[in-house]
Amino acid sequence: MPENEKFDIGDKIAFYCTGCRLNLWGTVMALGEEGEVVKVTCRTCNSQRPFKPEKDEAEKRKRMLKKALAIRDRRKQQSADILQSRVVPTTGGDEVTARWRVATDDVNTFSTPHYDPRVAYAVGDTLNHTEHGLGMVQEVLHENAMLVLFRKVEIPLEMNVAPPDED
């Protein structure tokens, strides 16, 4: 608020709307004992808010950039953690784990669907199982079964199962 500027109720004033999170124009709704603006109605969202002076746009951009970079770094760390969790030492020539590592080397775990026995899968499809983790379909055994390679085990799973009838 400019120095020595007096406002009356109903005057137009520039302020920071905490609802819109923007510097906007508002209407003075309440004044304090010394004539300072206490409450403003936002002309955009039409809500009554406590008066806050306009925020410096450069400072706001700086805070937003810092927040965005922190989010980016957190996501990079999560991705690195996921990749690290997939690295399994192959002690004793564990053939299943070695095959799993080769098969899932370039799989994006964020876009891998969860296992659903009602879905029909094909060879090469990937899935996330609640107990076994990331898996890849190695073979379709028949219409309702498939062989899936997981990190520690290769097991048959149901697929293409009809949902139960509800009466």
N, C-alpha and C. Protein backbone atom coordinates (compact mmCIF):
# COMPACT_ATOMS: atom_id res chain seq x y z
N MET A 1 0.85 -1.17 0.00
CA MET A 1 0.00 0.00 0.00
C MET A 1 0.90 1.23 0.00
N PRO A 2 0.68 2.16 -0.91
CA PRO A 2 1.52 3.35 -0.98
C PRO A 2 1.48 4.12 0.33
N GLU A 3 2.62 4.73 0.65
CA GLU A 3 2.73 5.52 1.87
C GLU A 3 1.75 6.69 1.84
N ASN A 4 1.17 7.01 2.99
CA ASN A 4 0.29 8.17 3.20
C ASN A 4 -0.95 8.18 2.32
N GLU A 5 -1.27 7.09 1.68
CA GLU A 5 -2.47 7.06 0.85
C GLU A 5 -3.63 6.59 1.71
N LYS A 6 -4.71 7.35 1.72
CA LYS A 6 -5.88 7.02 2.52
C LYS A 6 -6.94 6.38 1.62
N PHE A 7 -7.57 5.35 2.14
CA PHE A 7 -8.61 4.65 1.40
C PHE A 7 -9.91 4.72 2.18
N ASP A 8 -11.01 4.70 1.45
CA ASP A 8 -12.34 4.62 2.04
C ASP A 8 -12.96 3.29 1.64
N ILE A 9 -14.00 2.90 2.36
CA ILE A 9 -14.70 1.67 2.00
C ILE A 9 -15.30 1.85 0.61
N GLY A 10 -15.08 0.83 -0.24
CA GLY A 10 -15.58 0.86 -1.61
C GLY A 10 -14.52 1.28 -2.63
N ASP A 11 -13.36 1.77 -2.17
CA ASP A 11 -12.29 2.16 -3.09
C ASP A 11 -11.65 0.92 -3.72
N LYS A 12 -11.08 1.12 -4.89
CA LYS A 12 -10.37 0.07 -5.60
C LYS A 12 -8.92 0.07 -5.11
N ILE A 13 -8.36 -1.14 -4.85
CA ILE A 13 -6.99 -1.24 -4.34
C ILE A 13 -6.31 -2.48 -4.92
N ALA A 14 -5.03 -2.35 -5.18
CA ALA A 14 -4.23 -3.49 -5.65
C ALA A 14 -3.77 -4.27 -4.41
N PHE A 15 -3.91 -5.60 -4.45
CA PHE A 15 -3.53 -6.44 -3.31
C PHE A 15 -3.19 -7.84 -3.80
N TYR A 16 -2.69 -8.68 -2.88
CA TYR A 16 -2.40 -10.08 -3.19
C TYR A 16 -3.56 -10.92 -2.65
N CYS A 17 -4.29 -11.59 -3.56
CA CYS A 17 -5.41 -12.44 -3.17
C CYS A 17 -4.86 -13.82 -2.81
N THR A 18 -5.08 -14.24 -1.56
CA THR A 18 -4.59 -15.54 -1.12
C THR A 18 -5.40 -16.69 -1.72
N GLY A 19 -6.60 -16.41 -2.19
CA GLY A 19 -7.41 -17.44 -2.83
C GLY A 19 -6.97 -17.68 -4.27
N CYS A 20 -6.80 -16.61 -5.03
CA CYS A 20 -6.37 -16.70 -6.42
C CYS A 20 -4.86 -16.89 -6.54
N ARG A 21 -4.13 -16.50 -5.48
CA ARG A 21 -2.67 -16.53 -5.45
C ARG A 21 -2.08 -15.66 -6.54
N LEU A 22 -2.67 -14.48 -6.68
CA LEU A 22 -2.22 -13.52 -7.69
C LEU A 22 -2.32 -12.10 -7.14
N ASN A 23 -1.54 -11.20 -7.74
CA ASN A 23 -1.71 -9.78 -7.48
C ASN A 23 -2.91 -9.33 -8.31
N LEU A 24 -3.94 -8.80 -7.65
CA LEU A 24 -5.18 -8.44 -8.33
C LEU A 24 -5.73 -7.12 -7.79
N TRP A 25 -6.85 -6.69 -8.38
CA TRP A 25 -7.58 -5.53 -7.89
C TRP A 25 -8.72 -6.00 -7.01
N GLY A 26 -8.96 -5.24 -5.93
CA GLY A 26 -10.05 -5.58 -5.04
C GLY A 26 -10.76 -4.33 -4.56
N THR A 27 -11.80 -4.52 -3.79
CA THR A 27 -12.58 -3.42 -3.24
C THR A 27 -12.39 -3.41 -1.72
N VAL A 28 -12.07 -2.25 -1.16
CA VAL A 28 -11.87 -2.13 0.28
C VAL A 28 -13.20 -2.40 0.99
N MET A 29 -13.20 -3.34 1.95
CA MET A 29 -14.42 -3.71 2.67
C MET A 29 -14.38 -3.27 4.13
N ALA A 30 -13.17 -3.19 4.72
CA ALA A 30 -13.07 -2.82 6.13
C ALA A 30 -11.78 -2.06 6.37
N LEU A 31 -11.86 -1.08 7.26
CA LEU A 31 -10.69 -0.29 7.63
C LEU A 31 -10.43 -0.48 9.12
N GLY A 32 -9.14 -0.37 9.50
CA GLY A 32 -8.76 -0.47 10.90
C GLY A 32 -8.98 0.85 11.61
N GLU A 33 -8.60 0.90 12.87
CA GLU A 33 -8.80 2.09 13.68
C GLU A 33 -8.00 3.29 13.17
N GLU A 34 -6.84 3.03 12.58
CA GLU A 34 -5.99 4.12 12.09
C GLU A 34 -6.20 4.35 10.60
N GLY A 35 -7.22 3.80 10.01
CA GLY A 35 -7.53 4.02 8.60
C GLY A 35 -6.83 3.07 7.65
N GLU A 36 -6.12 2.07 8.19
CA GLU A 36 -5.43 1.12 7.32
C GLU A 36 -6.43 0.09 6.80
N VAL A 37 -6.18 -0.41 5.60
CA VAL A 37 -7.06 -1.40 4.97
C VAL A 37 -6.89 -2.73 5.70
N VAL A 38 -8.01 -3.33 6.12
CA VAL A 38 -7.98 -4.59 6.86
C VAL A 38 -8.55 -5.73 6.01
N LYS A 39 -9.66 -5.49 5.32
CA LYS A 39 -10.34 -6.53 4.56
C LYS A 39 -10.64 -6.02 3.16
N VAL A 40 -10.47 -6.93 2.17
CA VAL A 40 -10.66 -6.59 0.77
C VAL A 40 -11.51 -7.68 0.12
N THR A 41 -12.40 -7.28 -0.82
CA THR A 41 -13.12 -8.24 -1.63
C THR A 41 -12.43 -8.34 -2.97
N CYS A 42 -12.04 -9.57 -3.34
CA CYS A 42 -11.36 -9.79 -4.61
C CYS A 42 -12.38 -9.64 -5.74
N ARG A 43 -12.00 -8.91 -6.78
CA ARG A 43 -12.90 -8.71 -7.91
C ARG A 43 -12.89 -9.90 -8.87
N THR A 44 -11.97 -10.83 -8.67
CA THR A 44 -11.90 -12.00 -9.54
C THR A 44 -12.67 -13.17 -8.96
N CYS A 45 -12.37 -13.54 -7.70
CA CYS A 45 -13.04 -14.69 -7.09
C CYS A 45 -14.21 -14.29 -6.20
N ASN A 46 -14.39 -12.98 -6.01
CA ASN A 46 -15.52 -12.43 -5.26
C ASN A 46 -15.55 -12.91 -3.80
N SER A 47 -14.37 -13.14 -3.22
CA SER A 47 -14.31 -13.56 -1.82
C SER A 47 -13.70 -12.46 -0.97
N GLN A 48 -14.05 -12.43 0.30
CA GLN A 48 -13.47 -11.44 1.21
C GLN A 48 -12.23 -12.03 1.85
N ARG A 49 -11.14 -11.30 1.75
CA ARG A 49 -9.85 -11.76 2.24
C ARG A 49 -9.21 -10.67 3.08
N PRO A 50 -8.33 -11.05 4.02
CA PRO A 50 -7.55 -10.04 4.72
C PRO A 50 -6.63 -9.34 3.71
N PHE A 51 -6.39 -8.06 3.92
CA PHE A 51 -5.54 -7.31 3.00
C PHE A 51 -4.10 -7.77 3.12
N LYS A 52 -3.50 -8.08 1.98
CA LYS A 52 -2.07 -8.40 1.90
C LYS A 52 -1.51 -7.54 0.78
N PRO A 53 -0.39 -6.85 1.01
CA PRO A 53 0.18 -6.05 -0.06
C PRO A 53 0.62 -6.93 -1.23
N GLU A 54 0.74 -6.33 -2.42
CA GLU A 54 1.14 -7.08 -3.60
C GLU A 54 2.51 -7.73 -3.37
N LYS A 55 2.67 -8.94 -3.92
CA LYS A 55 3.94 -9.65 -3.80
C LYS A 55 4.82 -9.31 -4.99
N ASP A 56 6.12 -9.32 -4.74
CA ASP A 56 7.09 -9.06 -5.78
C ASP A 56 7.11 -10.26 -6.74
N GLU A 57 6.84 -10.02 -8.01
CA GLU A 57 6.75 -11.11 -8.99
C GLU A 57 8.08 -11.84 -9.16
N ALA A 58 9.19 -11.11 -9.12
CA ALA A 58 10.51 -11.75 -9.28
C ALA A 58 10.77 -12.71 -8.12
N GLU A 59 10.42 -12.30 -6.91
CA GLU A 59 10.61 -13.16 -5.74
C GLU A 59 9.69 -14.38 -5.83
N LYS A 60 8.47 -14.17 -6.32
CA LYS A 60 7.52 -15.28 -6.47
C LYS A 60 8.04 -16.30 -7.48
N ARG A 61 8.56 -15.82 -8.62
CA ARG A 61 9.12 -16.72 -9.63
C ARG A 61 10.31 -17.50 -9.07
N LYS A 62 11.12 -16.82 -8.28
CA LYS A 62 12.29 -17.46 -7.69
C LYS A 62 11.87 -18.60 -6.76
N ARG A 63 10.84 -18.38 -5.93
CA ARG A 63 10.34 -19.43 -5.04
C ARG A 63 9.74 -20.59 -5.83
N MET A 64 8.99 -20.26 -6.90
CA MET A 64 8.37 -21.31 -7.71
C MET A 64 9.43 -22.16 -8.41
N LEU A 65 10.49 -21.52 -8.90
CA LEU A 65 11.58 -22.25 -9.56
C LEU A 65 12.28 -23.17 -8.56
N LYS A 66 12.52 -22.66 -7.36
CA LYS A 66 13.15 -23.47 -6.32
C LYS A 66 12.30 -24.69 -6.00
N LYS A 67 10.98 -24.50 -5.91
CA LYS A 67 10.07 -25.61 -5.62
C LYS A 67 10.07 -26.63 -6.77
N ALA A 68 10.04 -26.14 -8.02
CA ALA A 68 10.04 -27.04 -9.17
C ALA A 68 11.33 -27.85 -9.24
N LEU A 69 12.45 -27.23 -8.94
CA LEU A 69 13.72 -27.95 -8.96
C LEU A 69 13.78 -28.99 -7.85
N ALA A 70 13.19 -28.68 -6.69
CA ALA A 70 13.15 -29.66 -5.60
C ALA A 70 12.30 -30.86 -6.00
N ILE A 71 11.18 -30.62 -6.67
CA ILE A 71 10.33 -31.72 -7.13
C ILE A 71 11.08 -32.57 -8.15
N ARG A 72 11.78 -31.90 -9.08
CA ARG A 72 12.55 -32.63 -10.09
C ARG A 72 13.62 -33.50 -9.43
N ASP A 73 14.34 -32.95 -8.46
CA ASP A 73 15.38 -33.71 -7.78
C ASP A 73 14.80 -34.89 -7.01
N ARG A 74 13.63 -34.68 -6.38
CA ARG A 74 12.99 -35.76 -5.64
C ARG A 74 12.58 -36.89 -6.60
N ARG A 75 12.04 -36.53 -7.76
CA ARG A 75 11.64 -37.56 -8.73
C ARG A 75 12.85 -38.30 -9.29
N LYS A 76 13.95 -37.58 -9.52
CA LYS A 76 15.18 -38.24 -9.98
C LYS A 76 15.66 -39.24 -8.95
N GLN A 77 15.60 -38.85 -7.67
CA GLN A 77 16.04 -39.74 -6.61
C GLN A 77 15.14 -40.97 -6.52
N GLN A 78 13.82 -40.78 -6.67
CA GLN A 78 12.89 -41.91 -6.65
C GLN A 78 13.18 -42.86 -7.79
N SER A 79 13.46 -42.31 -8.97
CA SER A 79 13.77 -43.14 -10.13
C SER A 79 15.06 -43.91 -9.90
N ALA A 80 16.06 -43.23 -9.34
CA ALA A 80 17.33 -43.90 -9.04
C ALA A 80 17.13 -45.00 -8.00
N ASP A 81 16.29 -44.75 -7.00
CA ASP A 81 16.01 -45.76 -5.98
C ASP A 81 15.35 -46.99 -6.59
N ILE A 82 14.41 -46.76 -7.52
CA ILE A 82 13.74 -47.88 -8.18
C ILE A 82 14.73 -48.69 -9.01
N LEU A 83 15.59 -47.99 -9.75
CA LEU A 83 16.59 -48.70 -10.55
C LEU A 83 17.54 -49.48 -9.65
N GLN A 84 17.93 -48.87 -8.53
CA GLN A 84 18.83 -49.55 -7.60
C GLN A 84 18.17 -50.78 -7.00
N SER A 85 16.87 -50.71 -6.73
CA SER A 85 16.18 -51.86 -6.15
C SER A 85 16.08 -53.01 -7.15
N ARG A 86 16.19 -52.69 -8.44
CA ARG A 86 16.13 -53.75 -9.46
C ARG A 86 17.47 -54.44 -9.64
N VAL A 87 18.55 -53.84 -9.15
CA VAL A 87 19.86 -54.44 -9.27
C VAL A 87 19.99 -55.52 -8.20
N VAL A 88 20.06 -56.76 -8.65
CA VAL A 88 20.12 -57.89 -7.74
C VAL A 88 21.42 -58.64 -8.00
N PRO A 89 22.23 -58.83 -6.98
CA PRO A 89 23.46 -59.59 -7.21
C PRO A 89 23.12 -61.02 -7.58
N THR A 90 23.74 -61.51 -8.64
CA THR A 90 23.47 -62.87 -9.10
C THR A 90 24.51 -63.80 -8.49
N THR A 91 24.28 -64.21 -7.28
CA THR A 91 25.20 -65.12 -6.60
C THR A 91 24.83 -66.55 -6.94
N GLY A 92 25.82 -67.36 -7.15
CA GLY A 92 25.58 -68.77 -7.42
C GLY A 92 24.98 -69.03 -8.79
N GLY A 93 25.10 -68.09 -9.76
CA GLY A 93 24.58 -68.30 -11.11
C GLY A 93 23.09 -68.40 -11.16
N ASP A 94 22.39 -67.55 -10.45
CA ASP A 94 20.93 -67.57 -10.41
C ASP A 94 20.39 -67.26 -11.81
N GLU A 95 20.04 -68.28 -12.53
CA GLU A 95 19.62 -68.15 -13.94
C GLU A 95 18.34 -67.35 -14.09
N VAL A 96 17.39 -67.52 -13.17
CA VAL A 96 16.12 -66.81 -13.27
C VAL A 96 16.33 -65.31 -13.09
N THR A 97 17.11 -64.92 -12.10
CA THR A 97 17.36 -63.50 -11.85
C THR A 97 18.11 -62.87 -13.01
N ALA A 98 19.07 -63.58 -13.56
CA ALA A 98 19.82 -63.05 -14.70
C ALA A 98 18.90 -62.85 -15.91
N ARG A 99 18.03 -63.81 -16.18
CA ARG A 99 17.08 -63.65 -17.29
C ARG A 99 16.12 -62.50 -17.04
N TRP A 100 15.66 -62.35 -15.79
CA TRP A 100 14.75 -61.26 -15.43
C TRP A 100 15.42 -59.90 -15.65
N ARG A 101 16.69 -59.79 -15.24
CA ARG A 101 17.40 -58.52 -15.40
C ARG A 101 17.53 -58.14 -16.87
N VAL A 102 17.83 -59.10 -17.72
CA VAL A 102 17.95 -58.83 -19.16
C VAL A 102 16.59 -58.47 -19.74
N ALA A 103 15.55 -59.20 -19.35
CA ALA A 103 14.21 -58.99 -19.91
C ALA A 103 13.62 -57.65 -19.50
N THR A 104 13.91 -57.17 -18.30
CA THR A 104 13.28 -55.94 -17.81
C THR A 104 14.24 -54.75 -17.79
N ASP A 105 15.34 -54.84 -18.50
CA ASP A 105 16.36 -53.79 -18.47
C ASP A 105 15.83 -52.44 -18.94
N ASP A 106 15.03 -52.41 -19.99
CA ASP A 106 14.56 -51.14 -20.54
C ASP A 106 13.07 -50.88 -20.25
N VAL A 107 12.52 -51.51 -19.22
CA VAL A 107 11.10 -51.36 -18.88
C VAL A 107 10.92 -50.13 -18.00
N ASN A 108 9.93 -49.30 -18.36
CA ASN A 108 9.57 -48.14 -17.54
C ASN A 108 8.59 -48.61 -16.48
N THR A 109 9.03 -48.68 -15.24
CA THR A 109 8.20 -49.22 -14.17
C THR A 109 7.03 -48.32 -13.82
N PHE A 110 7.11 -47.02 -14.17
CA PHE A 110 6.02 -46.11 -13.86
C PHE A 110 4.80 -46.35 -14.74
N SER A 111 5.00 -46.87 -15.94
CA SER A 111 3.87 -47.08 -16.84
C SER A 111 3.46 -48.55 -16.93
N THR A 112 4.01 -49.39 -16.08
CA THR A 112 3.67 -50.81 -16.10
C THR A 112 2.34 -51.03 -15.37
N PRO A 113 1.37 -51.69 -16.03
CA PRO A 113 0.06 -51.89 -15.39
C PRO A 113 0.13 -52.96 -14.30
N HIS A 114 -0.80 -52.89 -13.35
CA HIS A 114 -0.90 -53.91 -12.31
C HIS A 114 -1.52 -55.18 -12.88
N TYR A 115 -1.12 -56.31 -12.33
CA TYR A 115 -1.63 -57.60 -12.79
C TYR A 115 -3.13 -57.69 -12.52
N ASP A 116 -3.87 -58.09 -13.55
CA ASP A 116 -5.31 -58.29 -13.45
C ASP A 116 -5.64 -59.60 -14.15
N PRO A 117 -6.14 -60.60 -13.42
CA PRO A 117 -6.41 -61.90 -14.05
C PRO A 117 -7.49 -61.85 -15.12
N ARG A 118 -8.27 -60.77 -15.18
CA ARG A 118 -9.32 -60.66 -16.19
C ARG A 118 -8.79 -60.21 -17.54
N VAL A 119 -7.55 -59.73 -17.60
CA VAL A 119 -6.96 -59.21 -18.83
C VAL A 119 -6.23 -60.32 -19.57
N ALA A 120 -6.28 -60.27 -20.91
CA ALA A 120 -5.53 -61.22 -21.73
C ALA A 120 -4.16 -60.61 -22.01
N TYR A 121 -3.09 -61.34 -21.73
CA TYR A 121 -1.73 -60.88 -21.93
C TYR A 121 -1.10 -61.60 -23.11
N ALA A 122 -0.02 -61.00 -23.64
CA ALA A 122 0.73 -61.61 -24.74
C ALA A 122 2.19 -61.72 -24.32
N VAL A 123 2.94 -62.52 -25.05
CA VAL A 123 4.37 -62.68 -24.77
C VAL A 123 5.05 -61.31 -24.87
N GLY A 124 5.86 -60.98 -23.88
CA GLY A 124 6.57 -59.71 -23.86
C GLY A 124 5.88 -58.62 -23.07
N ASP A 125 4.61 -58.83 -22.68
CA ASP A 125 3.91 -57.84 -21.86
C ASP A 125 4.52 -57.80 -20.46
N THR A 126 4.54 -56.61 -19.86
CA THR A 126 5.03 -56.47 -18.50
C THR A 126 3.86 -56.18 -17.56
N LEU A 127 4.04 -56.55 -16.29
CA LEU A 127 2.99 -56.33 -15.30
C LEU A 127 3.63 -56.18 -13.93
N ASN A 128 2.91 -55.51 -13.03
CA ASN A 128 3.32 -55.39 -11.64
C ASN A 128 2.43 -56.27 -10.80
N HIS A 129 3.02 -57.22 -10.10
CA HIS A 129 2.29 -58.14 -9.24
C HIS A 129 2.45 -57.66 -7.81
N THR A 130 1.38 -57.74 -7.01
CA THR A 130 1.44 -57.22 -5.64
C THR A 130 2.45 -57.98 -4.77
N GLU A 131 2.66 -59.26 -5.03
CA GLU A 131 3.56 -60.07 -4.21
C GLU A 131 4.95 -60.21 -4.82
N HIS A 132 5.01 -60.39 -6.15
CA HIS A 132 6.29 -60.70 -6.80
C HIS A 132 6.96 -59.50 -7.46
N GLY A 133 6.25 -58.40 -7.63
CA GLY A 133 6.85 -57.20 -8.24
C GLY A 133 6.74 -57.20 -9.74
N LEU A 134 7.76 -56.64 -10.40
CA LEU A 134 7.78 -56.49 -11.84
C LEU A 134 7.98 -57.85 -12.51
N GLY A 135 7.14 -58.14 -13.50
CA GLY A 135 7.26 -59.40 -14.22
C GLY A 135 7.03 -59.22 -15.70
N MET A 136 7.52 -60.20 -16.48
CA MET A 136 7.34 -60.18 -17.93
C MET A 136 6.80 -61.53 -18.38
N VAL A 137 5.78 -61.46 -19.25
CA VAL A 137 5.16 -62.69 -19.78
C VAL A 137 6.16 -63.37 -20.71
N GLN A 138 6.50 -64.63 -20.38
CA GLN A 138 7.45 -65.40 -21.18
C GLN A 138 6.76 -66.31 -22.20
N GLU A 139 5.58 -66.82 -21.79
CA GLU A 139 4.89 -67.78 -22.65
C GLU A 139 3.41 -67.80 -22.31
N VAL A 140 2.57 -67.91 -23.34
CA VAL A 140 1.14 -68.10 -23.12
C VAL A 140 0.91 -69.61 -23.15
N LEU A 141 0.55 -70.17 -22.00
CA LEU A 141 0.40 -71.63 -21.88
C LEU A 141 -0.87 -72.12 -22.57
N HIS A 142 -1.96 -71.43 -22.34
CA HIS A 142 -3.21 -71.68 -23.04
C HIS A 142 -4.08 -70.45 -22.87
N GLU A 143 -5.33 -70.53 -23.25
CA GLU A 143 -6.21 -69.36 -23.27
C GLU A 143 -6.32 -68.65 -21.93
N ASN A 144 -6.20 -69.39 -20.82
CA ASN A 144 -6.40 -68.80 -19.50
C ASN A 144 -5.18 -68.89 -18.59
N ALA A 145 -3.99 -69.09 -19.16
CA ALA A 145 -2.79 -69.17 -18.32
C ALA A 145 -1.57 -68.68 -19.08
N MET A 146 -0.63 -68.14 -18.31
CA MET A 146 0.61 -67.65 -18.89
C MET A 146 1.75 -67.93 -17.92
N LEU A 147 2.98 -67.97 -18.44
CA LEU A 147 4.17 -68.15 -17.63
C LEU A 147 4.84 -66.79 -17.51
N VAL A 148 5.02 -66.32 -16.25
CA VAL A 148 5.56 -64.98 -16.02
C VAL A 148 6.89 -65.09 -15.30
N LEU A 149 7.87 -64.34 -15.78
CA LEU A 149 9.21 -64.29 -15.19
C LEU A 149 9.28 -63.12 -14.23
N PHE A 150 9.52 -63.42 -12.95
CA PHE A 150 9.73 -62.38 -11.94
C PHE A 150 11.18 -62.42 -11.51
N ARG A 151 11.55 -61.53 -10.60
CA ARG A 151 12.95 -61.43 -10.18
C ARG A 151 13.48 -62.74 -9.61
N LYS A 152 12.74 -63.38 -8.76
CA LYS A 152 13.23 -64.58 -8.08
C LYS A 152 12.60 -65.87 -8.55
N VAL A 153 11.50 -65.78 -9.30
CA VAL A 153 10.76 -66.98 -9.64
C VAL A 153 10.06 -66.81 -10.99
N GLU A 154 9.84 -67.93 -11.66
CA GLU A 154 9.06 -67.97 -12.89
C GLU A 154 7.85 -68.84 -12.61
N ILE A 155 6.64 -68.22 -12.64
CA ILE A 155 5.44 -68.97 -12.23
C ILE A 155 4.32 -68.78 -13.24
N PRO A 156 3.40 -69.76 -13.30
CA PRO A 156 2.21 -69.60 -14.13
C PRO A 156 1.17 -68.75 -13.40
N LEU A 157 0.48 -67.89 -14.13
CA LEU A 157 -0.58 -67.06 -13.58
C LEU A 157 -1.81 -67.16 -14.46
N GLU A 158 -2.97 -66.92 -13.84
CA GLU A 158 -4.22 -66.90 -14.60
C GLU A 158 -4.30 -65.64 -15.44
N MET A 159 -5.00 -65.74 -16.55
CA MET A 159 -5.31 -64.56 -17.37
C MET A 159 -6.60 -64.82 -18.11
N ASN A 160 -7.20 -63.75 -18.58
CA ASN A 160 -8.41 -63.85 -19.39
C ASN A 160 -9.53 -64.58 -18.64
N VAL A 161 -9.62 -64.38 -17.33
CA VAL A 161 -10.63 -65.02 -16.50
C VAL A 161 -11.89 -64.16 -16.52
N ALA A 162 -13.02 -64.77 -16.75
CA ALA A 162 -14.29 -64.03 -16.77
C ALA A 162 -14.63 -63.55 -15.37
N PRO A 163 -15.16 -62.34 -15.25
CA PRO A 163 -15.57 -61.86 -13.92
C PRO A 163 -16.72 -62.70 -13.39
N PRO A 164 -16.81 -62.85 -12.06
CA PRO A 164 -17.90 -63.67 -11.50
C PRO A 164 -19.26 -63.04 -11.78
N ASP A 165 -20.25 -63.91 -12.00
CA ASP A 165 -21.61 -63.44 -12.24
C ASP A 165 -22.21 -62.92 -10.95
N GLU A 166 -22.82 -61.77 -11.03
CA GLU A 166 -23.49 -61.20 -9.85
C GLU A 166 -24.99 -61.29 -10.07
N ASP A 167 -25.67 -61.97 -9.17
CA ASP A 167 -27.12 -62.14 -9.28
C ASP A 167 -27.85 -61.16 -8.43
